[in-house]
PDBML (XML) file of the C-alpha atoms, coordinates in Angstrom:
<?xml version="1.0" encoding="UTF-8" ?>
<PDBx:datablock datablockName="MODEL"
   xmlns:PDBx="http://pdbml.pdb.org/schema/pdbx-v50.xsd"
   xmlns:xsi="http://www.w3.org/2001/XMLSchema-instance"
   xsi:schemaLocation="http://pdbml.pdb.org/schema/pdbx-v50.xsd pdbx-v50.xsd">
   <PDBx:atom_siteCategory>
      <PDBx:atom_site id="1">
         <PDBx:B_iso_or_equiv>0.00</PDBx:B_iso_or_equiv>
         <PDBx:Cartn_x>-93.907</PDBx:Cartn_x>
         <PDBx:Cartn_y>-12.977</PDBx:Cartn_y>
         <PDBx:Cartn_z>-18.005</PDBx:Cartn_z>
         <PDBx:auth_asym_id>A</PDBx:auth_asym_id>
         <PDBx:auth_atom_id>CA</PDBx:auth_atom_id>
         <PDBx:auth_comp_id>ASN</PDBx:auth_comp_id>
         <PDBx:auth_seq_id>1</PDBx:auth_seq_id>
         <PDBx:group_PDB>ATOM</PDBx:group_PDB>
         <PDBx:label_alt_id xsi:nil="true" />
         <PDBx:label_asym_id>A</PDBx:label_asym_id>
         <PDBx:label_atom_id>CA</PDBx:label_atom_id>
         <PDBx:label_comp_id>ASN</PDBx:label_comp_id>
         <PDBx:label_entity_id>1</PDBx:label_entity_id>
         <PDBx:label_seq_id>1</PDBx:label_seq_id>
         <PDBx:occupancy>1.00</PDBx:occupancy>
         <PDBx:pdbx_PDB_model_num>1</PDBx:pdbx_PDB_model_num>
         <PDBx:type_symbol>C</PDBx:type_symbol>
      </PDBx:atom_site>
      <PDBx:atom_site id="2">
         <PDBx:B_iso_or_equiv>0.00</PDBx:B_iso_or_equiv>
         <PDBx:Cartn_x>-91.046</PDBx:Cartn_x>
         <PDBx:Cartn_y>-11.922</PDBx:Cartn_y>
         <PDBx:Cartn_z>-20.284</PDBx:Cartn_z>
         <PDBx:auth_asym_id>A</PDBx:auth_asym_id>
         <PDBx:auth_atom_id>CA</PDBx:auth_atom_id>
         <PDBx:auth_comp_id>ASN</PDBx:auth_comp_id>
         <PDBx:auth_seq_id>2</PDBx:auth_seq_id>
         <PDBx:group_PDB>ATOM</PDBx:group_PDB>
         <PDBx:label_alt_id xsi:nil="true" />
         <PDBx:label_asym_id>A</PDBx:label_asym_id>
         <PDBx:label_atom_id>CA</PDBx:label_atom_id>
         <PDBx:label_comp_id>ASN</PDBx:label_comp_id>
         <PDBx:label_entity_id>1</PDBx:label_entity_id>
         <PDBx:label_seq_id>2</PDBx:label_seq_id>
         <PDBx:occupancy>1.00</PDBx:occupancy>
         <PDBx:pdbx_PDB_model_num>1</PDBx:pdbx_PDB_model_num>
         <PDBx:type_symbol>C</PDBx:type_symbol>
      </PDBx:atom_site>
      <PDBx:atom_site id="3">
         <PDBx:B_iso_or_equiv>0.00</PDBx:B_iso_or_equiv>
         <PDBx:Cartn_x>-87.754</PDBx:Cartn_x>
         <PDBx:Cartn_y>-12.483</PDBx:Cartn_y>
         <PDBx:Cartn_z>-18.317</PDBx:Cartn_z>
         <PDBx:auth_asym_id>A</PDBx:auth_asym_id>
         <PDBx:auth_atom_id>CA</PDBx:auth_atom_id>
         <PDBx:auth_comp_id>ALA</PDBx:auth_comp_id>
         <PDBx:auth_seq_id>3</PDBx:auth_seq_id>
         <PDBx:group_PDB>ATOM</PDBx:group_PDB>
         <PDBx:label_alt_id xsi:nil="true" />
         <PDBx:label_asym_id>A</PDBx:label_asym_id>
         <PDBx:label_atom_id>CA</PDBx:label_atom_id>
         <PDBx:label_comp_id>ALA</PDBx:label_comp_id>
         <PDBx:label_entity_id>1</PDBx:label_entity_id>
         <PDBx:label_seq_id>3</PDBx:label_seq_id>
         <PDBx:occupancy>1.00</PDBx:occupancy>
         <PDBx:pdbx_PDB_model_num>1</PDBx:pdbx_PDB_model_num>
         <PDBx:type_symbol>C</PDBx:type_symbol>
      </PDBx:atom_site>
      <PDBx:atom_site id="4">
         <PDBx:B_iso_or_equiv>0.00</PDBx:B_iso_or_equiv>
         <PDBx:Cartn_x>-86.099</PDBx:Cartn_x>
         <PDBx:Cartn_y>-9.288</PDBx:Cartn_y>
         <PDBx:Cartn_z>-19.598</PDBx:Cartn_z>
         <PDBx:auth_asym_id>A</PDBx:auth_asym_id>
         <PDBx:auth_atom_id>CA</PDBx:auth_atom_id>
         <PDBx:auth_comp_id>ASN</PDBx:auth_comp_id>
         <PDBx:auth_seq_id>4</PDBx:auth_seq_id>
         <PDBx:group_PDB>ATOM</PDBx:group_PDB>
         <PDBx:label_alt_id xsi:nil="true" />
         <PDBx:label_asym_id>A</PDBx:label_asym_id>
         <PDBx:label_atom_id>CA</PDBx:label_atom_id>
         <PDBx:label_comp_id>ASN</PDBx:label_comp_id>
         <PDBx:label_entity_id>1</PDBx:label_entity_id>
         <PDBx:label_seq_id>4</PDBx:label_seq_id>
         <PDBx:occupancy>1.00</PDBx:occupancy>
         <PDBx:pdbx_PDB_model_num>1</PDBx:pdbx_PDB_model_num>
         <PDBx:type_symbol>C</PDBx:type_symbol>
      </PDBx:atom_site>
      <PDBx:atom_site id="5">
         <PDBx:B_iso_or_equiv>0.00</PDBx:B_iso_or_equiv>
         <PDBx:Cartn_x>-89.159</PDBx:Cartn_x>
         <PDBx:Cartn_y>-7.202</PDBx:Cartn_y>
         <PDBx:Cartn_z>-18.575</PDBx:Cartn_z>
         <PDBx:auth_asym_id>A</PDBx:auth_asym_id>
         <PDBx:auth_atom_id>CA</PDBx:auth_atom_id>
         <PDBx:auth_comp_id>GLU</PDBx:auth_comp_id>
         <PDBx:auth_seq_id>5</PDBx:auth_seq_id>
         <PDBx:group_PDB>ATOM</PDBx:group_PDB>
         <PDBx:label_alt_id xsi:nil="true" />
         <PDBx:label_asym_id>A</PDBx:label_asym_id>
         <PDBx:label_atom_id>CA</PDBx:label_atom_id>
         <PDBx:label_comp_id>GLU</PDBx:label_comp_id>
         <PDBx:label_entity_id>1</PDBx:label_entity_id>
         <PDBx:label_seq_id>5</PDBx:label_seq_id>
         <PDBx:occupancy>1.00</PDBx:occupancy>
         <PDBx:pdbx_PDB_model_num>1</PDBx:pdbx_PDB_model_num>
         <PDBx:type_symbol>C</PDBx:type_symbol>
      </PDBx:atom_site>
      <PDBx:atom_site id="6">
         <PDBx:B_iso_or_equiv>0.00</PDBx:B_iso_or_equiv>
         <PDBx:Cartn_x>-89.076</PDBx:Cartn_x>
         <PDBx:Cartn_y>-8.881</PDBx:Cartn_y>
         <PDBx:Cartn_z>-15.133</PDBx:Cartn_z>
         <PDBx:auth_asym_id>A</PDBx:auth_asym_id>
         <PDBx:auth_atom_id>CA</PDBx:auth_atom_id>
         <PDBx:auth_comp_id>VAL</PDBx:auth_comp_id>
         <PDBx:auth_seq_id>6</PDBx:auth_seq_id>
         <PDBx:group_PDB>ATOM</PDBx:group_PDB>
         <PDBx:label_alt_id xsi:nil="true" />
         <PDBx:label_asym_id>A</PDBx:label_asym_id>
         <PDBx:label_atom_id>CA</PDBx:label_atom_id>
         <PDBx:label_comp_id>VAL</PDBx:label_comp_id>
         <PDBx:label_entity_id>1</PDBx:label_entity_id>
         <PDBx:label_seq_id>6</PDBx:label_seq_id>
         <PDBx:occupancy>1.00</PDBx:occupancy>
         <PDBx:pdbx_PDB_model_num>1</PDBx:pdbx_PDB_model_num>
         <PDBx:type_symbol>C</PDBx:type_symbol>
      </PDBx:atom_site>
      <PDBx:atom_site id="7">
         <PDBx:B_iso_or_equiv>0.00</PDBx:B_iso_or_equiv>
         <PDBx:Cartn_x>-85.475</PDBx:Cartn_x>
         <PDBx:Cartn_y>-7.851</PDBx:Cartn_y>
         <PDBx:Cartn_z>-14.580</PDBx:Cartn_z>
         <PDBx:auth_asym_id>A</PDBx:auth_asym_id>
         <PDBx:auth_atom_id>CA</PDBx:auth_atom_id>
         <PDBx:auth_comp_id>ILE</PDBx:auth_comp_id>
         <PDBx:auth_seq_id>7</PDBx:auth_seq_id>
         <PDBx:group_PDB>ATOM</PDBx:group_PDB>
         <PDBx:label_alt_id xsi:nil="true" />
         <PDBx:label_asym_id>A</PDBx:label_asym_id>
         <PDBx:label_atom_id>CA</PDBx:label_atom_id>
         <PDBx:label_comp_id>ILE</PDBx:label_comp_id>
         <PDBx:label_entity_id>1</PDBx:label_entity_id>
         <PDBx:label_seq_id>7</PDBx:label_seq_id>
         <PDBx:occupancy>1.00</PDBx:occupancy>
         <PDBx:pdbx_PDB_model_num>1</PDBx:pdbx_PDB_model_num>
         <PDBx:type_symbol>C</PDBx:type_symbol>
      </PDBx:atom_site>
      <PDBx:atom_site id="8">
         <PDBx:B_iso_or_equiv>0.00</PDBx:B_iso_or_equiv>
         <PDBx:Cartn_x>-86.294</PDBx:Cartn_x>
         <PDBx:Cartn_y>-4.288</PDBx:Cartn_y>
         <PDBx:Cartn_z>-15.700</PDBx:Cartn_z>
         <PDBx:auth_asym_id>A</PDBx:auth_asym_id>
         <PDBx:auth_atom_id>CA</PDBx:auth_atom_id>
         <PDBx:auth_comp_id>LYS</PDBx:auth_comp_id>
         <PDBx:auth_seq_id>8</PDBx:auth_seq_id>
         <PDBx:group_PDB>ATOM</PDBx:group_PDB>
         <PDBx:label_alt_id xsi:nil="true" />
         <PDBx:label_asym_id>A</PDBx:label_asym_id>
         <PDBx:label_atom_id>CA</PDBx:label_atom_id>
         <PDBx:label_comp_id>LYS</PDBx:label_comp_id>
         <PDBx:label_entity_id>1</PDBx:label_entity_id>
         <PDBx:label_seq_id>8</PDBx:label_seq_id>
         <PDBx:occupancy>1.00</PDBx:occupancy>
         <PDBx:pdbx_PDB_model_num>1</PDBx:pdbx_PDB_model_num>
         <PDBx:type_symbol>C</PDBx:type_symbol>
      </PDBx:atom_site>
      <PDBx:atom_site id="9">
         <PDBx:B_iso_or_equiv>0.00</PDBx:B_iso_or_equiv>
         <PDBx:Cartn_x>-89.209</PDBx:Cartn_x>
         <PDBx:Cartn_y>-4.115</PDBx:Cartn_y>
         <PDBx:Cartn_z>-13.368</PDBx:Cartn_z>
         <PDBx:auth_asym_id>A</PDBx:auth_asym_id>
         <PDBx:auth_atom_id>CA</PDBx:auth_atom_id>
         <PDBx:auth_comp_id>ASN</PDBx:auth_comp_id>
         <PDBx:auth_seq_id>9</PDBx:auth_seq_id>
         <PDBx:group_PDB>ATOM</PDBx:group_PDB>
         <PDBx:label_alt_id xsi:nil="true" />
         <PDBx:label_asym_id>A</PDBx:label_asym_id>
         <PDBx:label_atom_id>CA</PDBx:label_atom_id>
         <PDBx:label_comp_id>ASN</PDBx:label_comp_id>
         <PDBx:label_entity_id>1</PDBx:label_entity_id>
         <PDBx:label_seq_id>9</PDBx:label_seq_id>
         <PDBx:occupancy>1.00</PDBx:occupancy>
         <PDBx:pdbx_PDB_model_num>1</PDBx:pdbx_PDB_model_num>
         <PDBx:type_symbol>C</PDBx:type_symbol>
      </PDBx:atom_site>
      <PDBx:atom_site id="10">
         <PDBx:B_iso_or_equiv>0.00</PDBx:B_iso_or_equiv>
         <PDBx:Cartn_x>-87.065</PDBx:Cartn_x>
         <PDBx:Cartn_y>-5.247</PDBx:Cartn_y>
         <PDBx:Cartn_z>-10.451</PDBx:Cartn_z>
         <PDBx:auth_asym_id>A</PDBx:auth_asym_id>
         <PDBx:auth_atom_id>CA</PDBx:auth_atom_id>
         <PDBx:auth_comp_id>LEU</PDBx:auth_comp_id>
         <PDBx:auth_seq_id>10</PDBx:auth_seq_id>
         <PDBx:group_PDB>ATOM</PDBx:group_PDB>
         <PDBx:label_alt_id xsi:nil="true" />
         <PDBx:label_asym_id>A</PDBx:label_asym_id>
         <PDBx:label_atom_id>CA</PDBx:label_atom_id>
         <PDBx:label_comp_id>LEU</PDBx:label_comp_id>
         <PDBx:label_entity_id>1</PDBx:label_entity_id>
         <PDBx:label_seq_id>10</PDBx:label_seq_id>
         <PDBx:occupancy>1.00</PDBx:occupancy>
         <PDBx:pdbx_PDB_model_num>1</PDBx:pdbx_PDB_model_num>
         <PDBx:type_symbol>C</PDBx:type_symbol>
      </PDBx:atom_site>
      <PDBx:atom_site id="11">
         <PDBx:B_iso_or_equiv>0.00</PDBx:B_iso_or_equiv>
         <PDBx:Cartn_x>-84.933</PDBx:Cartn_x>
         <PDBx:Cartn_y>-2.171</PDBx:Cartn_y>
         <PDBx:Cartn_z>-10.909</PDBx:Cartn_z>
         <PDBx:auth_asym_id>A</PDBx:auth_asym_id>
         <PDBx:auth_atom_id>CA</PDBx:auth_atom_id>
         <PDBx:auth_comp_id>VAL</PDBx:auth_comp_id>
         <PDBx:auth_seq_id>11</PDBx:auth_seq_id>
         <PDBx:group_PDB>ATOM</PDBx:group_PDB>
         <PDBx:label_alt_id xsi:nil="true" />
         <PDBx:label_asym_id>A</PDBx:label_asym_id>
         <PDBx:label_atom_id>CA</PDBx:label_atom_id>
         <PDBx:label_comp_id>VAL</PDBx:label_comp_id>
         <PDBx:label_entity_id>1</PDBx:label_entity_id>
         <PDBx:label_seq_id>11</PDBx:label_seq_id>
         <PDBx:occupancy>1.00</PDBx:occupancy>
         <PDBx:pdbx_PDB_model_num>1</PDBx:pdbx_PDB_model_num>
         <PDBx:type_symbol>C</PDBx:type_symbol>
      </PDBx:atom_site>
      <PDBx:atom_site id="12">
         <PDBx:B_iso_or_equiv>0.00</PDBx:B_iso_or_equiv>
         <PDBx:Cartn_x>-87.844</PDBx:Cartn_x>
         <PDBx:Cartn_y>0.298</PDBx:Cartn_y>
         <PDBx:Cartn_z>-11.074</PDBx:Cartn_z>
         <PDBx:auth_asym_id>A</PDBx:auth_asym_id>
         <PDBx:auth_atom_id>CA</PDBx:auth_atom_id>
         <PDBx:auth_comp_id>SER</PDBx:auth_comp_id>
         <PDBx:auth_seq_id>12</PDBx:auth_seq_id>
         <PDBx:group_PDB>ATOM</PDBx:group_PDB>
         <PDBx:label_alt_id xsi:nil="true" />
         <PDBx:label_asym_id>A</PDBx:label_asym_id>
         <PDBx:label_atom_id>CA</PDBx:label_atom_id>
         <PDBx:label_comp_id>SER</PDBx:label_comp_id>
         <PDBx:label_entity_id>1</PDBx:label_entity_id>
         <PDBx:label_seq_id>12</PDBx:label_seq_id>
         <PDBx:occupancy>1.00</PDBx:occupancy>
         <PDBx:pdbx_PDB_model_num>1</PDBx:pdbx_PDB_model_num>
         <PDBx:type_symbol>C</PDBx:type_symbol>
      </PDBx:atom_site>
      <PDBx:atom_site id="13">
         <PDBx:B_iso_or_equiv>0.00</PDBx:B_iso_or_equiv>
         <PDBx:Cartn_x>-90.202</PDBx:Cartn_x>
         <PDBx:Cartn_y>-1.073</PDBx:Cartn_y>
         <PDBx:Cartn_z>-8.393</PDBx:Cartn_z>
         <PDBx:auth_asym_id>A</PDBx:auth_asym_id>
         <PDBx:auth_atom_id>CA</PDBx:auth_atom_id>
         <PDBx:auth_comp_id>GLN</PDBx:auth_comp_id>
         <PDBx:auth_seq_id>13</PDBx:auth_seq_id>
         <PDBx:group_PDB>ATOM</PDBx:group_PDB>
         <PDBx:label_alt_id xsi:nil="true" />
         <PDBx:label_asym_id>A</PDBx:label_asym_id>
         <PDBx:label_atom_id>CA</PDBx:label_atom_id>
         <PDBx:label_comp_id>GLN</PDBx:label_comp_id>
         <PDBx:label_entity_id>1</PDBx:label_entity_id>
         <PDBx:label_seq_id>13</PDBx:label_seq_id>
         <PDBx:occupancy>1.00</PDBx:occupancy>
         <PDBx:pdbx_PDB_model_num>1</PDBx:pdbx_PDB_model_num>
         <PDBx:type_symbol>C</PDBx:type_symbol>
      </PDBx:atom_site>
      <PDBx:atom_site id="14">
         <PDBx:B_iso_or_equiv>0.00</PDBx:B_iso_or_equiv>
         <PDBx:Cartn_x>-90.192</PDBx:Cartn_x>
         <PDBx:Cartn_y>1.018</PDBx:Cartn_y>
         <PDBx:Cartn_z>-5.191</PDBx:Cartn_z>
         <PDBx:auth_asym_id>A</PDBx:auth_asym_id>
         <PDBx:auth_atom_id>CA</PDBx:auth_atom_id>
         <PDBx:auth_comp_id>THR</PDBx:auth_comp_id>
         <PDBx:auth_seq_id>14</PDBx:auth_seq_id>
         <PDBx:group_PDB>ATOM</PDBx:group_PDB>
         <PDBx:label_alt_id xsi:nil="true" />
         <PDBx:label_asym_id>A</PDBx:label_asym_id>
         <PDBx:label_atom_id>CA</PDBx:label_atom_id>
         <PDBx:label_comp_id>THR</PDBx:label_comp_id>
         <PDBx:label_entity_id>1</PDBx:label_entity_id>
         <PDBx:label_seq_id>14</PDBx:label_seq_id>
         <PDBx:occupancy>1.00</PDBx:occupancy>
         <PDBx:pdbx_PDB_model_num>1</PDBx:pdbx_PDB_model_num>
         <PDBx:type_symbol>C</PDBx:type_symbol>
      </PDBx:atom_site>
      <PDBx:atom_site id="15">
         <PDBx:B_iso_or_equiv>0.00</PDBx:B_iso_or_equiv>
         <PDBx:Cartn_x>-90.836</PDBx:Cartn_x>
         <PDBx:Cartn_y>-1.803</PDBx:Cartn_y>
         <PDBx:Cartn_z>-2.776</PDBx:Cartn_z>
         <PDBx:auth_asym_id>A</PDBx:auth_asym_id>
         <PDBx:auth_atom_id>CA</PDBx:auth_atom_id>
         <PDBx:auth_comp_id>ILE</PDBx:auth_comp_id>
         <PDBx:auth_seq_id>15</PDBx:auth_seq_id>
         <PDBx:group_PDB>ATOM</PDBx:group_PDB>
         <PDBx:label_alt_id xsi:nil="true" />
         <PDBx:label_asym_id>A</PDBx:label_asym_id>
         <PDBx:label_atom_id>CA</PDBx:label_atom_id>
         <PDBx:label_comp_id>ILE</PDBx:label_comp_id>
         <PDBx:label_entity_id>1</PDBx:label_entity_id>
         <PDBx:label_seq_id>15</PDBx:label_seq_id>
         <PDBx:occupancy>1.00</PDBx:occupancy>
         <PDBx:pdbx_PDB_model_num>1</PDBx:pdbx_PDB_model_num>
         <PDBx:type_symbol>C</PDBx:type_symbol>
      </PDBx:atom_site>
      <PDBx:atom_site id="16">
         <PDBx:B_iso_or_equiv>0.00</PDBx:B_iso_or_equiv>
         <PDBx:Cartn_x>-89.223</PDBx:Cartn_x>
         <PDBx:Cartn_y>-2.320</PDBx:Cartn_y>
         <PDBx:Cartn_z>0.751</PDBx:Cartn_z>
         <PDBx:auth_asym_id>A</PDBx:auth_asym_id>
         <PDBx:auth_atom_id>CA</PDBx:auth_atom_id>
         <PDBx:auth_comp_id>PRO</PDBx:auth_comp_id>
         <PDBx:auth_seq_id>16</PDBx:auth_seq_id>
         <PDBx:group_PDB>ATOM</PDBx:group_PDB>
         <PDBx:label_alt_id xsi:nil="true" />
         <PDBx:label_asym_id>A</PDBx:label_asym_id>
         <PDBx:label_atom_id>CA</PDBx:label_atom_id>
         <PDBx:label_comp_id>PRO</PDBx:label_comp_id>
         <PDBx:label_entity_id>1</PDBx:label_entity_id>
         <PDBx:label_seq_id>16</PDBx:label_seq_id>
         <PDBx:occupancy>1.00</PDBx:occupancy>
         <PDBx:pdbx_PDB_model_num>1</PDBx:pdbx_PDB_model_num>
         <PDBx:type_symbol>C</PDBx:type_symbol>
      </PDBx:atom_site>
      <PDBx:atom_site id="17">
         <PDBx:B_iso_or_equiv>0.00</PDBx:B_iso_or_equiv>
         <PDBx:Cartn_x>-85.995</PDBx:Cartn_x>
         <PDBx:Cartn_y>-4.373</PDBx:Cartn_y>
         <PDBx:Cartn_z>0.428</PDBx:Cartn_z>
         <PDBx:auth_asym_id>A</PDBx:auth_asym_id>
         <PDBx:auth_atom_id>CA</PDBx:auth_atom_id>
         <PDBx:auth_comp_id>THR</PDBx:auth_comp_id>
         <PDBx:auth_seq_id>17</PDBx:auth_seq_id>
         <PDBx:group_PDB>ATOM</PDBx:group_PDB>
         <PDBx:label_alt_id xsi:nil="true" />
         <PDBx:label_asym_id>A</PDBx:label_asym_id>
         <PDBx:label_atom_id>CA</PDBx:label_atom_id>
         <PDBx:label_comp_id>THR</PDBx:label_comp_id>
         <PDBx:label_entity_id>1</PDBx:label_entity_id>
         <PDBx:label_seq_id>17</PDBx:label_seq_id>
         <PDBx:occupancy>1.00</PDBx:occupancy>
         <PDBx:pdbx_PDB_model_num>1</PDBx:pdbx_PDB_model_num>
         <PDBx:type_symbol>C</PDBx:type_symbol>
      </PDBx:atom_site>
      <PDBx:atom_site id="18">
         <PDBx:B_iso_or_equiv>0.00</PDBx:B_iso_or_equiv>
         <PDBx:Cartn_x>-84.810</PDBx:Cartn_x>
         <PDBx:Cartn_y>-6.623</PDBx:Cartn_y>
         <PDBx:Cartn_z>3.281</PDBx:Cartn_z>
         <PDBx:auth_asym_id>A</PDBx:auth_asym_id>
         <PDBx:auth_atom_id>CA</PDBx:auth_atom_id>
         <PDBx:auth_comp_id>ILE</PDBx:auth_comp_id>
         <PDBx:auth_seq_id>18</PDBx:auth_seq_id>
         <PDBx:group_PDB>ATOM</PDBx:group_PDB>
         <PDBx:label_alt_id xsi:nil="true" />
         <PDBx:label_asym_id>A</PDBx:label_asym_id>
         <PDBx:label_atom_id>CA</PDBx:label_atom_id>
         <PDBx:label_comp_id>ILE</PDBx:label_comp_id>
         <PDBx:label_entity_id>1</PDBx:label_entity_id>
         <PDBx:label_seq_id>18</PDBx:label_seq_id>
         <PDBx:occupancy>1.00</PDBx:occupancy>
         <PDBx:pdbx_PDB_model_num>1</PDBx:pdbx_PDB_model_num>
         <PDBx:type_symbol>C</PDBx:type_symbol>
      </PDBx:atom_site>
      <PDBx:atom_site id="19">
         <PDBx:B_iso_or_equiv>0.00</PDBx:B_iso_or_equiv>
         <PDBx:Cartn_x>-81.092</PDBx:Cartn_x>
         <PDBx:Cartn_y>-7.205</PDBx:Cartn_y>
         <PDBx:Cartn_z>2.679</PDBx:Cartn_z>
         <PDBx:auth_asym_id>A</PDBx:auth_asym_id>
         <PDBx:auth_atom_id>CA</PDBx:auth_atom_id>
         <PDBx:auth_comp_id>ILE</PDBx:auth_comp_id>
         <PDBx:auth_seq_id>19</PDBx:auth_seq_id>
         <PDBx:group_PDB>ATOM</PDBx:group_PDB>
         <PDBx:label_alt_id xsi:nil="true" />
         <PDBx:label_asym_id>A</PDBx:label_asym_id>
         <PDBx:label_atom_id>CA</PDBx:label_atom_id>
         <PDBx:label_comp_id>ILE</PDBx:label_comp_id>
         <PDBx:label_entity_id>1</PDBx:label_entity_id>
         <PDBx:label_seq_id>19</PDBx:label_seq_id>
         <PDBx:occupancy>1.00</PDBx:occupancy>
         <PDBx:pdbx_PDB_model_num>1</PDBx:pdbx_PDB_model_num>
         <PDBx:type_symbol>C</PDBx:type_symbol>
      </PDBx:atom_site>
      <PDBx:atom_site id="20">
         <PDBx:B_iso_or_equiv>0.00</PDBx:B_iso_or_equiv>
         <PDBx:Cartn_x>-79.249</PDBx:Cartn_x>
         <PDBx:Cartn_y>-10.227</PDBx:Cartn_y>
         <PDBx:Cartn_z>4.048</PDBx:Cartn_z>
         <PDBx:auth_asym_id>A</PDBx:auth_asym_id>
         <PDBx:auth_atom_id>CA</PDBx:auth_atom_id>
         <PDBx:auth_comp_id>TYR</PDBx:auth_comp_id>
         <PDBx:auth_seq_id>20</PDBx:auth_seq_id>
         <PDBx:group_PDB>ATOM</PDBx:group_PDB>
         <PDBx:label_alt_id xsi:nil="true" />
         <PDBx:label_asym_id>A</PDBx:label_asym_id>
         <PDBx:label_atom_id>CA</PDBx:label_atom_id>
         <PDBx:label_comp_id>TYR</PDBx:label_comp_id>
         <PDBx:label_entity_id>1</PDBx:label_entity_id>
         <PDBx:label_seq_id>20</PDBx:label_seq_id>
         <PDBx:occupancy>1.00</PDBx:occupancy>
         <PDBx:pdbx_PDB_model_num>1</PDBx:pdbx_PDB_model_num>
         <PDBx:type_symbol>C</PDBx:type_symbol>
      </PDBx:atom_site>
      <PDBx:atom_site id="21">
         <PDBx:B_iso_or_equiv>0.00</PDBx:B_iso_or_equiv>
         <PDBx:Cartn_x>-76.529</PDBx:Cartn_x>
         <PDBx:Cartn_y>-9.534</PDBx:Cartn_y>
         <PDBx:Cartn_z>6.604</PDBx:Cartn_z>
         <PDBx:auth_asym_id>A</PDBx:auth_asym_id>
         <PDBx:auth_atom_id>CA</PDBx:auth_atom_id>
         <PDBx:auth_comp_id>GLY</PDBx:auth_comp_id>
         <PDBx:auth_seq_id>21</PDBx:auth_seq_id>
         <PDBx:group_PDB>ATOM</PDBx:group_PDB>
         <PDBx:label_alt_id xsi:nil="true" />
         <PDBx:label_asym_id>A</PDBx:label_asym_id>
         <PDBx:label_atom_id>CA</PDBx:label_atom_id>
         <PDBx:label_comp_id>GLY</PDBx:label_comp_id>
         <PDBx:label_entity_id>1</PDBx:label_entity_id>
         <PDBx:label_seq_id>21</PDBx:label_seq_id>
         <PDBx:occupancy>1.00</PDBx:occupancy>
         <PDBx:pdbx_PDB_model_num>1</PDBx:pdbx_PDB_model_num>
         <PDBx:type_symbol>C</PDBx:type_symbol>
      </PDBx:atom_site>
      <PDBx:atom_site id="22">
         <PDBx:B_iso_or_equiv>0.00</PDBx:B_iso_or_equiv>
         <PDBx:Cartn_x>-74.295</PDBx:Cartn_x>
         <PDBx:Cartn_y>-11.899</PDBx:Cartn_y>
         <PDBx:Cartn_z>8.546</PDBx:Cartn_z>
         <PDBx:auth_asym_id>A</PDBx:auth_asym_id>
         <PDBx:auth_atom_id>CA</PDBx:auth_atom_id>
         <PDBx:auth_comp_id>GLY</PDBx:auth_comp_id>
         <PDBx:auth_seq_id>22</PDBx:auth_seq_id>
         <PDBx:group_PDB>ATOM</PDBx:group_PDB>
         <PDBx:label_alt_id xsi:nil="true" />
         <PDBx:label_asym_id>A</PDBx:label_asym_id>
         <PDBx:label_atom_id>CA</PDBx:label_atom_id>
         <PDBx:label_comp_id>GLY</PDBx:label_comp_id>
         <PDBx:label_entity_id>1</PDBx:label_entity_id>
         <PDBx:label_seq_id>22</PDBx:label_seq_id>
         <PDBx:occupancy>1.00</PDBx:occupancy>
         <PDBx:pdbx_PDB_model_num>1</PDBx:pdbx_PDB_model_num>
         <PDBx:type_symbol>C</PDBx:type_symbol>
      </PDBx:atom_site>
      <PDBx:atom_site id="23">
         <PDBx:B_iso_or_equiv>0.00</PDBx:B_iso_or_equiv>
         <PDBx:Cartn_x>-74.315</PDBx:Cartn_x>
         <PDBx:Cartn_y>-15.669</PDBx:Cartn_y>
         <PDBx:Cartn_z>7.938</PDBx:Cartn_z>
         <PDBx:auth_asym_id>A</PDBx:auth_asym_id>
         <PDBx:auth_atom_id>CA</PDBx:auth_atom_id>
         <PDBx:auth_comp_id>THR</PDBx:auth_comp_id>
         <PDBx:auth_seq_id>23</PDBx:auth_seq_id>
         <PDBx:group_PDB>ATOM</PDBx:group_PDB>
         <PDBx:label_alt_id xsi:nil="true" />
         <PDBx:label_asym_id>A</PDBx:label_asym_id>
         <PDBx:label_atom_id>CA</PDBx:label_atom_id>
         <PDBx:label_comp_id>THR</PDBx:label_comp_id>
         <PDBx:label_entity_id>1</PDBx:label_entity_id>
         <PDBx:label_seq_id>23</PDBx:label_seq_id>
         <PDBx:occupancy>1.00</PDBx:occupancy>
         <PDBx:pdbx_PDB_model_num>1</PDBx:pdbx_PDB_model_num>
         <PDBx:type_symbol>C</PDBx:type_symbol>
      </PDBx:atom_site>
      <PDBx:atom_site id="24">
         <PDBx:B_iso_or_equiv>0.00</PDBx:B_iso_or_equiv>
         <PDBx:Cartn_x>-76.045</PDBx:Cartn_x>
         <PDBx:Cartn_y>-18.852</PDBx:Cartn_y>
         <PDBx:Cartn_z>9.076</PDBx:Cartn_z>
         <PDBx:auth_asym_id>A</PDBx:auth_asym_id>
         <PDBx:auth_atom_id>CA</PDBx:auth_atom_id>
         <PDBx:auth_comp_id>GLY</PDBx:auth_comp_id>
         <PDBx:auth_seq_id>24</PDBx:auth_seq_id>
         <PDBx:group_PDB>ATOM</PDBx:group_PDB>
         <PDBx:label_alt_id xsi:nil="true" />
         <PDBx:label_asym_id>A</PDBx:label_asym_id>
         <PDBx:label_atom_id>CA</PDBx:label_atom_id>
         <PDBx:label_comp_id>GLY</PDBx:label_comp_id>
         <PDBx:label_entity_id>1</PDBx:label_entity_id>
         <PDBx:label_seq_id>24</PDBx:label_seq_id>
         <PDBx:occupancy>1.00</PDBx:occupancy>
         <PDBx:pdbx_PDB_model_num>1</PDBx:pdbx_PDB_model_num>
         <PDBx:type_symbol>C</PDBx:type_symbol>
      </PDBx:atom_site>
      <PDBx:atom_site id="25">
         <PDBx:B_iso_or_equiv>0.00</PDBx:B_iso_or_equiv>
         <PDBx:Cartn_x>-79.711</PDBx:Cartn_x>
         <PDBx:Cartn_y>-17.612</PDBx:Cartn_y>
         <PDBx:Cartn_z>9.348</PDBx:Cartn_z>
         <PDBx:auth_asym_id>A</PDBx:auth_asym_id>
         <PDBx:auth_atom_id>CA</PDBx:auth_atom_id>
         <PDBx:auth_comp_id>HIS</PDBx:auth_comp_id>
         <PDBx:auth_seq_id>25</PDBx:auth_seq_id>
         <PDBx:group_PDB>ATOM</PDBx:group_PDB>
         <PDBx:label_alt_id xsi:nil="true" />
         <PDBx:label_asym_id>A</PDBx:label_asym_id>
         <PDBx:label_atom_id>CA</PDBx:label_atom_id>
         <PDBx:label_comp_id>HIS</PDBx:label_comp_id>
         <PDBx:label_entity_id>1</PDBx:label_entity_id>
         <PDBx:label_seq_id>25</PDBx:label_seq_id>
         <PDBx:occupancy>1.00</PDBx:occupancy>
         <PDBx:pdbx_PDB_model_num>1</PDBx:pdbx_PDB_model_num>
         <PDBx:type_symbol>C</PDBx:type_symbol>
      </PDBx:atom_site>
   </PDBx:atom_siteCategory>
</PDBx:datablock>
């Protein structure tokens, strides 16, 4: 639950990423 650890984990996790493209949806 430590915020700094959470941010660090986000970088290291190998999970599928859906990236936003375009606008208005």
